[in-house]
Amino acid sequence: VVGGLDSLAGALIAGFLLGILEAFTEGILTPNLEEFLRSVSSI
């Protein structure tokens, strides 16, 4: 959907994009967000 339903090149580029976003979310965003939430709440 991100690359375009009828675009093979779009699927390739969107696959790289989502892979990188997932990696940064798991490795940076999630730990920092959890650390912040623990400091201000019981989450």
All heavy atoms as atom14 arrays in JSON, in Angstrom:
{
  "sequence": "VVGGLDSLAGALIAGFLLGILEAFTEGILTPNLEEFLRSVSSI",
  "atom14_mask": [
    [1, 1, 1, 1, 1, 1, 1, 0, 0, 0, 0, 0, 0, 0],
    [1, 1, 1, 1, 1, 1, 1, 0, 0, 0, 0, 0, 0, 0],
    [1, 1, 1, 1, 0, 0, 0, 0, 0, 0, 0, 0, 0, 0],
    [1, 1, 1, 1, 0, 0, 0, 0, 0, 0, 0, 0, 0, 0],
    [1, 1, 1, 1, 1, 1, 1, 1, 0, 0, 0, 0, 0, 0],
    [1, 1, 1, 1, 1, 1, 1, 1, 0, 0, 0, 0, 0, 0],
    [1, 1, 1, 1, 1, 1, 0, 0, 0, 0, 0, 0, 0, 0],
    [1, 1, 1, 1, 1, 1, 1, 1, 0, 0, 0, 0, 0, 0],
    [1, 1, 1, 1, 1, 0, 0, 0, 0, 0, 0, 0, 0, 0],
    [1, 1, 1, 1, 0, 0, 0, 0, 0, 0, 0, 0, 0, 0],
    [1, 1, 1, 1, 1, 0, 0, 0, 0, 0, 0, 0, 0, 0],
    [1, 1, 1, 1, 1, 1, 1, 1, 0, 0, 0, 0, 0, 0],
    [1, 1, 1, 1, 1, 1, 1, 1, 0, 0, 0, 0, 0, 0],
    [1, 1, 1, 1, 1, 0, 0, 0, 0, 0, 0, 0, 0, 0],
    [1, 1, 1, 1, 0, 0, 0, 0, 0, 0, 0, 0, 0, 0],
    [1, 1, 1, 1, 1, 1, 1, 1, 1, 1, 1, 0, 0, 0],
    [1, 1, 1, 1, 1, 1, 1, 1, 0, 0, 0, 0, 0, 0],
    [1, 1, 1, 1, 1, 1, 1, 1, 0, 0, 0, 0, 0, 0],
    [1, 1, 1, 1, 0, 0, 0, 0, 0, 0, 0, 0, 0, 0],
    [1, 1, 1, 1, 1, 1, 1, 1, 0, 0, 0, 0, 0, 0],
    [1, 1, 1, 1, 1, 1, 1, 1, 0, 0, 0, 0, 0, 0],
    [1, 1, 1, 1, 1, 1, 1, 1, 1, 0, 0, 0, 0, 0],
    [1, 1, 1, 1, 1, 0, 0, 0, 0, 0, 0, 0, 0, 0],
    [1, 1, 1, 1, 1, 1, 1, 1, 1, 1, 1, 0, 0, 0],
    [1, 1, 1, 1, 1, 1, 1, 0, 0, 0, 0, 0, 0, 0],
    [1, 1, 1, 1, 1, 1, 1, 1, 1, 0, 0, 0, 0, 0],
    [1, 1, 1, 1, 0, 0, 0, 0, 0, 0, 0, 0, 0, 0],
    [1, 1, 1, 1, 1, 1, 1, 1, 0, 0, 0, 0, 0, 0],
    [1, 1, 1, 1, 1, 1, 1, 1, 0, 0, 0, 0, 0, 0],
    [1, 1, 1, 1, 1, 1, 1, 0, 0, 0, 0, 0, 0, 0],
    [1, 1, 1, 1, 1, 1, 1, 0, 0, 0, 0, 0, 0, 0],
    [1, 1, 1, 1, 1, 1, 1, 1, 0, 0, 0, 0, 0, 0],
    [1, 1, 1, 1, 1, 1, 1, 1, 0, 0, 0, 0, 0, 0],
    [1, 1, 1, 1, 1, 1, 1, 1, 1, 0, 0, 0, 0, 0],
    [1, 1, 1, 1, 1, 1, 1, 1, 1, 0, 0, 0, 0, 0],
    [1, 1, 1, 1, 1, 1, 1, 1, 1, 1, 1, 0, 0, 0],
    [1, 1, 1, 1, 1, 1, 1, 1, 0, 0, 0, 0, 0, 0],
    [1, 1, 1, 1, 1, 1, 1, 1, 1, 1, 1, 0, 0, 0],
    [1, 1, 1, 1, 1, 1, 0, 0, 0, 0, 0, 0, 0, 0],
    [1, 1, 1, 1, 1, 1, 1, 0, 0, 0, 0, 0, 0, 0],
    [1, 1, 1, 1, 1, 1, 0, 0, 0, 0, 0, 0, 0, 0],
    [1, 1, 1, 1, 1, 1, 0, 0, 0, 0, 0, 0, 0, 0],
    [1, 1, 1, 1, 1, 1, 1, 1, 0, 0, 0, 0, 0, 0]
  ],
  "atom14_positions": [
    [[0.84, -1.2, 0.0], [0.0, 0.0, 0.0], [0.88, 1.25, 0.0], [0.61, 2.21, -0.72], [-0.96, 0.01, 1.21], [-1.66, 1.35, 1.34], [-1.99, -1.11, 1.07], [0.0, 0.0, 0.0], [0.0, 0.0, 0.0], [0.0, 0.0, 0.0], [0.0, 0.0, 0.0], [0.0, 0.0, 0.0], [0.0, 0.0, 0.0], [0.0, 0.0, 0.0]],
    [[1.94, 1.23, 0.8], [2.85, 2.38, 0.85], [3.58, 2.54, -0.48], [3.7, 3.65, -1.01], [3.87, 2.22, 2.0], [4.94, 3.31, 1.93], [3.14, 2.29, 3.35], [0.0, 0.0, 0.0], [0.0, 0.0, 0.0], [0.0, 0.0, 0.0], [0.0, 0.0, 0.0], [0.0, 0.0, 0.0], [0.0, 0.0, 0.0], [0.0, 0.0, 0.0]],
    [[4.06, 1.45, -1.05], [4.8, 1.53, -2.3], [3.92, 1.75, -3.51], [4.34, 2.35, -4.49], [0.0, 0.0, 0.0], [0.0, 0.0, 0.0], [0.0, 0.0, 0.0], [0.0, 0.0, 0.0], [0.0, 0.0, 0.0], [0.0, 0.0, 0.0], [0.0, 0.0, 0.0], [0.0, 0.0, 0.0], [0.0, 0.0, 0.0], [0.0, 0.0, 0.0]],
    [[2.68, 1.28, -3.43], [1.77, 1.34, -4.58], [1.38, -0.07, -5.0], [2.27, -0.89, -5.27], [0.0, 0.0, 0.0], [0.0, 0.0, 0.0], [0.0, 0.0, 0.0], [0.0, 0.0, 0.0], [0.0, 0.0, 0.0], [0.0, 0.0, 0.0], [0.0, 0.0, 0.0], [0.0, 0.0, 0.0], [0.0, 0.0, 0.0], [0.0, 0.0, 0.0]],
    [[0.08, -0.35, -5.04], [-0.38, -1.71, -5.31], [0.1, -2.26, -6.65], [0.25, -3.47, -6.8], [-1.92, -1.75, -5.28], [-2.57, -1.9, -3.9], [-4.07, -1.72, -4.02], [-2.25, -3.25, -3.3], [0.0, 0.0, 0.0], [0.0, 0.0, 0.0], [0.0, 0.0, 0.0], [0.0, 0.0, 0.0], [0.0, 0.0, 0.0], [0.0, 0.0, 0.0]],
    [[0.34, -1.39, -7.62], [0.73, -1.86, -8.94], [2.19, -1.55, -9.27], [2.59, -1.59, -10.42], [-0.17, -1.24, -10.01], [-0.14, 0.28, -10.0], [0.5, 0.85, -9.09], [-0.77, 0.89, -10.88], [0.0, 0.0, 0.0], [0.0, 0.0, 0.0], [0.0, 0.0, 0.0], [0.0, 0.0, 0.0], [0.0, 0.0, 0.0], [0.0, 0.0, 0.0]],
    [[3.01, -1.28, -8.25], [4.4, -0.9, -8.49], [5.35, -1.9, -7.85], [5.42, -2.01, -6.62], [4.67, 0.51, -7.93], [6.04, 0.83, -8.04], [0.0, 0.0, 0.0], [0.0, 0.0, 0.0], [0.0, 0.0, 0.0], [0.0, 0.0, 0.0], [0.0, 0.0, 0.0], [0.0, 0.0, 0.0], [0.0, 0.0, 0.0], [0.0, 0.0, 0.0]],
    [[6.09, -2.63, -8.67], [7.08, -3.57, -8.15], [8.26, -2.83, -7.51], [8.74, -3.23, -6.44], [7.59, -4.46, -9.29], [6.55, -5.42, -9.89], [7.1, -6.06, -11.16], [6.18, -6.5, -8.89], [0.0, 0.0, 0.0], [0.0, 0.0, 0.0], [0.0, 0.0, 0.0], [0.0, 0.0, 0.0], [0.0, 0.0, 0.0], [0.0, 0.0, 0.0]],
    [[8.71, -1.76, -8.14], [9.8, -0.97, -7.55], [9.35, -0.33, -6.24], [10.13, -0.2, -5.29], [10.26, 0.1, -8.54], [0.0, 0.0, 0.0], [0.0, 0.0, 0.0], [0.0, 0.0, 0.0], [0.0, 0.0, 0.0], [0.0, 0.0, 0.0], [0.0, 0.0, 0.0], [0.0, 0.0, 0.0], [0.0, 0.0, 0.0], [0.0, 0.0, 0.0]],
    [[8.09, 0.09, -6.18], [7.55, 0.68, -4.95], [7.56, -0.32, -3.8], [7.86, 0.04, -2.65], [0.0, 0.0, 0.0], [0.0, 0.0, 0.0], [0.0, 0.0, 0.0], [0.0, 0.0, 0.0], [0.0, 0.0, 0.0], [0.0, 0.0, 0.0], [0.0, 0.0, 0.0], [0.0, 0.0, 0.0], [0.0, 0.0, 0.0], [0.0, 0.0, 0.0]],
    [[7.26, -1.59, -4.09], [7.31, -2.62, -3.05], [8.72, -2.79, -2.5], [8.91, -2.96, -1.29], [6.79, -3.95, -3.61], [0.0, 0.0, 0.0], [0.0, 0.0, 0.0], [0.0, 0.0, 0.0], [0.0, 0.0, 0.0], [0.0, 0.0, 0.0], [0.0, 0.0, 0.0], [0.0, 0.0, 0.0], [0.0, 0.0, 0.0], [0.0, 0.0, 0.0]],
    [[9.7, -2.71, -3.39], [11.1, -2.85, -2.96], [11.5, -1.7, -2.04], [12.05, -1.93, -0.94], [12.0, -2.88, -4.19], [13.51, -2.93, -3.94], [13.89, -4.16, -3.16], [14.27, -2.89, -5.26], [0.0, 0.0, 0.0], [0.0, 0.0, 0.0], [0.0, 0.0, 0.0], [0.0, 0.0, 0.0], [0.0, 0.0, 0.0], [0.0, 0.0, 0.0]],
    [[11.23, -0.47, -2.45], [11.63, 0.69, -1.65], [10.84, 0.75, -0.35], [11.39, 1.04, 0.72], [11.44, 1.97, -2.48], [12.41, 1.96, -3.67], [11.67, 3.22, -1.62], [12.21, 3.09, -4.63], [0.0, 0.0, 0.0], [0.0, 0.0, 0.0], [0.0, 0.0, 0.0], [0.0, 0.0, 0.0], [0.0, 0.0, 0.0], [0.0, 0.0, 0.0]],
    [[9.53, 0.47, -0.4], [8.71, 0.51, 0.81], [9.13, -0.59, 1.79], [9.07, -0.41, 3.01], [7.23, 0.36, 0.45], [0.0, 0.0, 0.0], [0.0, 0.0, 0.0], [0.0, 0.0, 0.0], [0.0, 0.0, 0.0], [0.0, 0.0, 0.0], [0.0, 0.0, 0.0], [0.0, 0.0, 0.0], [0.0, 0.0, 0.0], [0.0, 0.0, 0.0]],
    [[9.58, -1.74, 1.28], [10.06, -2.8, 2.15], [11.28, -2.35, 2.95], [11.37, -2.57, 4.17], [0.0, 0.0, 0.0], [0.0, 0.0, 0.0], [0.0, 0.0, 0.0], [0.0, 0.0, 0.0], [0.0, 0.0, 0.0], [0.0, 0.0, 0.0], [0.0, 0.0, 0.0], [0.0, 0.0, 0.0], [0.0, 0.0, 0.0], [0.0, 0.0, 0.0]],
    [[12.24, -1.71, 2.27], [13.4, -1.17, 2.97], [12.98, -0.12, 4.0], [13.48, -0.09, 5.13], [14.37, -0.53, 1.98], [15.17, -1.53, 1.18], [15.26, -1.42, -0.19], [15.82, -2.57, 1.8], [16.0, -2.34, -0.94], [16.56, -3.5, 1.08], [16.65, -3.38, -0.29], [0.0, 0.0, 0.0], [0.0, 0.0, 0.0], [0.0, 0.0, 0.0]],
    [[12.05, 0.75, 3.63], [11.6, 1.82, 4.52], [10.97, 1.26, 5.78], [11.32, 1.67, 6.91], [10.6, 2.71, 3.78], [9.92, 3.82, 4.61], [10.96, 4.8, 5.13], [8.87, 4.54, 3.78], [0.0, 0.0, 0.0], [0.0, 0.0, 0.0], [0.0, 0.0, 0.0], [0.0, 0.0, 0.0], [0.0, 0.0, 0.0], [0.0, 0.0, 0.0]],
    [[10.08, 0.29, 5.64], [9.41, -0.27, 6.82], [10.38, -1.08, 7.68], [10.27, -1.07, 8.9], [8.23, -1.14, 6.38], [6.98, -0.38, 5.94], [5.87, -1.35, 5.56], [6.48, 0.54, 7.04], [0.0, 0.0, 0.0], [0.0, 0.0, 0.0], [0.0, 0.0, 0.0], [0.0, 0.0, 0.0], [0.0, 0.0, 0.0], [0.0, 0.0, 0.0]],
    [[11.31, -1.76, 7.04], [12.3, -2.51, 7.82], [13.13, -1.6, 8.7], [13.37, -1.89, 9.88], [0.0, 0.0, 0.0], [0.0, 0.0, 0.0], [0.0, 0.0, 0.0], [0.0, 0.0, 0.0], [0.0, 0.0, 0.0], [0.0, 0.0, 0.0], [0.0, 0.0, 0.0], [0.0, 0.0, 0.0], [0.0, 0.0, 0.0], [0.0, 0.0, 0.0]],
    [[13.57, -0.47, 8.15], [14.36, 0.5, 8.92], [13.51, 1.13, 10.03], [13.97, 1.29, 11.17], [14.94, 1.57, 7.99], [16.0, 0.95, 7.07], [15.57, 2.72, 8.79], [16.51, 1.88, 5.99], [0.0, 0.0, 0.0], [0.0, 0.0, 0.0], [0.0, 0.0, 0.0], [0.0, 0.0, 0.0], [0.0, 0.0, 0.0], [0.0, 0.0, 0.0]],
    [[12.27, 1.5, 9.71], [11.39, 2.09, 10.73], [11.15, 1.13, 11.89], [11.15, 1.53, 13.06], [10.06, 2.5, 10.1], [10.06, 3.78, 9.25], [8.68, 4.0, 8.62], [10.45, 4.98, 10.1], [0.0, 0.0, 0.0], [0.0, 0.0, 0.0], [0.0, 0.0, 0.0], [0.0, 0.0, 0.0], [0.0, 0.0, 0.0], [0.0, 0.0, 0.0]],
    [[10.93, -0.14, 11.58], [10.73, -1.13, 12.63], [11.97, -1.25, 13.51], [11.86, -1.33, 14.75], [10.4, -2.49, 12.02], [8.95, -2.65, 11.59], [8.62, -4.08, 11.26], [9.55, -4.91, 11.21], [7.44, -4.37, 11.04], [0.0, 0.0, 0.0], [0.0, 0.0, 0.0], [0.0, 0.0, 0.0], [0.0, 0.0, 0.0], [0.0, 0.0, 0.0]],
    [[13.14, -1.31, 12.88], [14.38, -1.45, 13.64], [14.61, -0.26, 14.57], [14.98, -0.43, 15.75], [15.57, -1.62, 12.68], [0.0, 0.0, 0.0], [0.0, 0.0, 0.0], [0.0, 0.0, 0.0], [0.0, 0.0, 0.0], [0.0, 0.0, 0.0], [0.0, 0.0, 0.0], [0.0, 0.0, 0.0], [0.0, 0.0, 0.0], [0.0, 0.0, 0.0]],
    [[14.39, 0.96, 14.09], [14.59, 2.15, 14.92], [13.54, 2.24, 16.02], [13.82, 2.71, 17.12], [14.57, 3.41, 14.05], [15.91, 3.77, 13.47], [16.39, 3.12, 12.34], [16.71, 4.73, 14.07], [17.63, 3.43, 11.81], [17.95, 5.06, 13.55], [18.41, 4.4, 12.42], [0.0, 0.0, 0.0], [0.0, 0.0, 0.0], [0.0, 0.0, 0.0]],
    [[12.32, 1.78, 15.71], [11.27, 1.8, 16.74], [11.62, 0.85, 17.87], [11.51, 1.2, 19.05], [9.92, 1.41, 16.13], [9.57, 2.34, 15.09], [8.82, 1.42, 17.19], [0.0, 0.0, 0.0], [0.0, 0.0, 0.0], [0.0, 0.0, 0.0], [0.0, 0.0, 0.0], [0.0, 0.0, 0.0], [0.0, 0.0, 0.0], [0.0, 0.0, 0.0]],
    [[12.06, -0.35, 17.51], [12.4, -1.35, 18.53], [13.67, -0.99, 19.28], [13.77, -1.22, 20.5], [12.54, -2.72, 17.87], [12.78, -3.85, 18.86], [12.84, -5.21, 18.19], [12.87, -5.25, 16.94], [12.85, -6.23, 18.9], [0.0, 0.0, 0.0], [0.0, 0.0, 0.0], [0.0, 0.0, 0.0], [0.0, 0.0, 0.0], [0.0, 0.0, 0.0]],
    [[14.65, -0.43, 18.59], [15.94, -0.2, 19.22], [16.09, 1.13, 19.92], [16.89, 1.26, 20.86], [0.0, 0.0, 0.0], [0.0, 0.0, 0.0], [0.0, 0.0, 0.0], [0.0, 0.0, 0.0], [0.0, 0.0, 0.0], [0.0, 0.0, 0.0], [0.0, 0.0, 0.0], [0.0, 0.0, 0.0], [0.0, 0.0, 0.0], [0.0, 0.0, 0.0]],
    [[15.32, 2.17, 19.51], [15.48, 3.5, 20.08], [14.18, 4.04, 20.67], [14.12, 4.43, 21.84], [16.01, 4.49, 19.01], [17.43, 4.08, 18.58], [16.02, 5.92, 19.55], [18.01, 4.96, 17.49], [0.0, 0.0, 0.0], [0.0, 0.0, 0.0], [0.0, 0.0, 0.0], [0.0, 0.0, 0.0], [0.0, 0.0, 0.0], [0.0, 0.0, 0.0]],
    [[13.12, 4.07, 19.86], [11.88, 4.7, 20.31], [11.24, 3.97, 21.48], [10.88, 4.6, 22.49], [10.88, 4.77, 19.14], [9.51, 5.38, 19.46], [9.66, 6.82, 19.97], [8.59, 5.33, 18.24], [0.0, 0.0, 0.0], [0.0, 0.0, 0.0], [0.0, 0.0, 0.0], [0.0, 0.0, 0.0], [0.0, 0.0, 0.0], [0.0, 0.0, 0.0]],
    [[11.11, 2.65, 21.38], [10.45, 1.89, 22.45], [11.19, 2.0, 23.79], [10.57, 2.3, 24.82], [10.29, 0.43, 22.03], [9.44, 0.35, 20.88], [9.67, -0.4, 23.16], [0.0, 0.0, 0.0], [0.0, 0.0, 0.0], [0.0, 0.0, 0.0], [0.0, 0.0, 0.0], [0.0, 0.0, 0.0], [0.0, 0.0, 0.0], [0.0, 0.0, 0.0]],
    [[12.53, 1.77, 23.86], [13.22, 1.9, 25.15], [13.11, 3.3, 25.76], [12.91, 3.46, 26.96], [14.67, 1.55, 24.82], [14.6, 0.74, 23.58], [13.45, 1.3, 22.81], [0.0, 0.0, 0.0], [0.0, 0.0, 0.0], [0.0, 0.0, 0.0], [0.0, 0.0, 0.0], [0.0, 0.0, 0.0], [0.0, 0.0, 0.0], [0.0, 0.0, 0.0]],
    [[13.27, 4.35, 24.93], [13.19, 5.72, 25.44], [11.77, 6.06, 25.91], [11.6, 6.73, 26.93], [13.62, 6.71, 24.36], [15.11, 6.65, 24.08], [15.9, 6.25, 24.94], [15.51, 7.02, 22.87], [0.0, 0.0, 0.0], [0.0, 0.0, 0.0], [0.0, 0.0, 0.0], [0.0, 0.0, 0.0], [0.0, 0.0, 0.0], [0.0, 0.0, 0.0]],
    [[10.77, 5.6, 25.17], [9.39, 5.86, 25.57], [9.05, 5.14, 26.86], [8.39, 5.71, 27.75], [8.44, 5.42, 24.45], [6.94, 5.65, 24.7], [6.66, 7.12, 24.94], [6.12, 5.13, 23.52], [0.0, 0.0, 0.0], [0.0, 0.0, 0.0], [0.0, 0.0, 0.0], [0.0, 0.0, 0.0], [0.0, 0.0, 0.0], [0.0, 0.0, 0.0]],
    [[9.5, 3.9, 27.02], [9.25, 3.15, 28.25], [9.95, 3.8, 29.44], [9.39, 3.87, 30.55], [9.72, 1.7, 28.08], [8.82, 0.87, 27.18], [9.31, -0.54, 27.0], [10.5, -0.79, 27.29], [8.53, -1.4, 26.57], [0.0, 0.0, 0.0], [0.0, 0.0, 0.0], [0.0, 0.0, 0.0], [0.0, 0.0, 0.0], [0.0, 0.0, 0.0]],
    [[11.17, 4.28, 29.24], [11.89, 4.96, 30.31], [11.15, 6.23, 30.75], [11.04, 6.52, 31.95], [13.3, 5.31, 29.84], [14.16, 5.97, 30.91], [15.56, 6.27, 30.42], [15.88, 5.89, 29.27], [16.32, 6.9, 31.17], [0.0, 0.0, 0.0], [0.0, 0.0, 0.0], [0.0, 0.0, 0.0], [0.0, 0.0, 0.0], [0.0, 0.0, 0.0]],
    [[10.64, 6.97, 29.78], [9.87, 8.18, 30.1], [8.59, 7.84, 30.85], [8.25, 8.49, 31.86], [9.55, 8.94, 28.81], [8.59, 10.07, 29.01], [9.0, 11.26, 29.6], [7.26, 9.94, 28.62], [8.1, 12.31, 29.8], [6.36, 10.98, 28.81], [6.77, 12.17, 29.4], [0.0, 0.0, 0.0], [0.0, 0.0, 0.0], [0.0, 0.0, 0.0]],
    [[7.87, 6.83, 30.39], [6.6, 6.47, 31.03], [6.82, 5.96, 32.45], [6.0, 6.22, 33.34], [5.87, 5.42, 30.19], [5.31, 5.91, 28.85], [4.72, 4.76, 28.06], [4.24, 6.99, 29.07], [0.0, 0.0, 0.0], [0.0, 0.0, 0.0], [0.0, 0.0, 0.0], [0.0, 0.0, 0.0], [0.0, 0.0, 0.0], [0.0, 0.0, 0.0]],
    [[7.91, 5.23, 32.68], [8.19, 4.75, 34.03], [8.49, 5.9, 34.99], [8.23, 5.8, 36.19], [9.39, 3.79, 33.99], [9.11, 2.47, 33.31], [10.25, 1.48, 33.52], [10.13, 0.32, 32.66], [10.87, 0.12, 31.57], [11.82, 0.98, 31.27], [10.68, -0.96, 30.83], [0.0, 0.0, 0.0], [0.0, 0.0, 0.0], [0.0, 0.0, 0.0]],
    [[9.05, 6.97, 34.45], [9.39, 8.12, 35.3], [8.18, 8.97, 35.66], [8.21, 9.68, 36.67], [10.44, 8.99, 34.61], [9.9, 9.58, 33.44], [0.0, 0.0, 0.0], [0.0, 0.0, 0.0], [0.0, 0.0, 0.0], [0.0, 0.0, 0.0], [0.0, 0.0, 0.0], [0.0, 0.0, 0.0], [0.0, 0.0, 0.0], [0.0, 0.0, 0.0]],
    [[7.12, 8.91, 34.87], [5.95, 9.77, 35.12], [4.7, 8.99, 35.45], [3.67, 9.58, 35.8], [5.67, 10.67, 33.9], [6.86, 11.6, 33.65], [5.34, 9.86, 32.67], [0.0, 0.0, 0.0], [0.0, 0.0, 0.0], [0.0, 0.0, 0.0], [0.0, 0.0, 0.0], [0.0, 0.0, 0.0], [0.0, 0.0, 0.0], [0.0, 0.0, 0.0]],
    [[4.75, 7.64, 35.35], [3.55, 6.84, 35.62], [3.96, 5.45, 36.06], [5.14, 5.15, 36.25], [2.67, 6.76, 34.36], [3.33, 6.0, 33.35], [0.0, 0.0, 0.0], [0.0, 0.0, 0.0], [0.0, 0.0, 0.0], [0.0, 0.0, 0.0], [0.0, 0.0, 0.0], [0.0, 0.0, 0.0], [0.0, 0.0, 0.0], [0.0, 0.0, 0.0]],
    [[2.96, 4.62, 36.23], [3.21, 3.23, 36.64], [3.32, 2.29, 35.45], [3.44, 1.08, 35.62], [2.08, 2.75, 37.57], [0.83, 2.81, 36.89], [0.0, 0.0, 0.0], [0.0, 0.0, 0.0], [0.0, 0.0, 0.0], [0.0, 0.0, 0.0], [0.0, 0.0, 0.0], [0.0, 0.0, 0.0], [0.0, 0.0, 0.0], [0.0, 0.0, 0.0]],
    [[3.26, 2.8, 34.25], [3.36, 1.99, 33.04], [4.8, 1.5, 32.89], [5.74, 2.28, 32.91], [2.93, 2.79, 31.79], [1.47, 3.21, 31.92], [3.14, 1.95, 30.53], [1.0, 4.08, 30.78], [0.0, 0.0, 0.0], [0.0, 0.0, 0.0], [0.0, 0.0, 0.0], [0.0, 0.0, 0.0], [0.0, 0.0, 0.0], [0.0, 0.0, 0.0]]
  ]
}
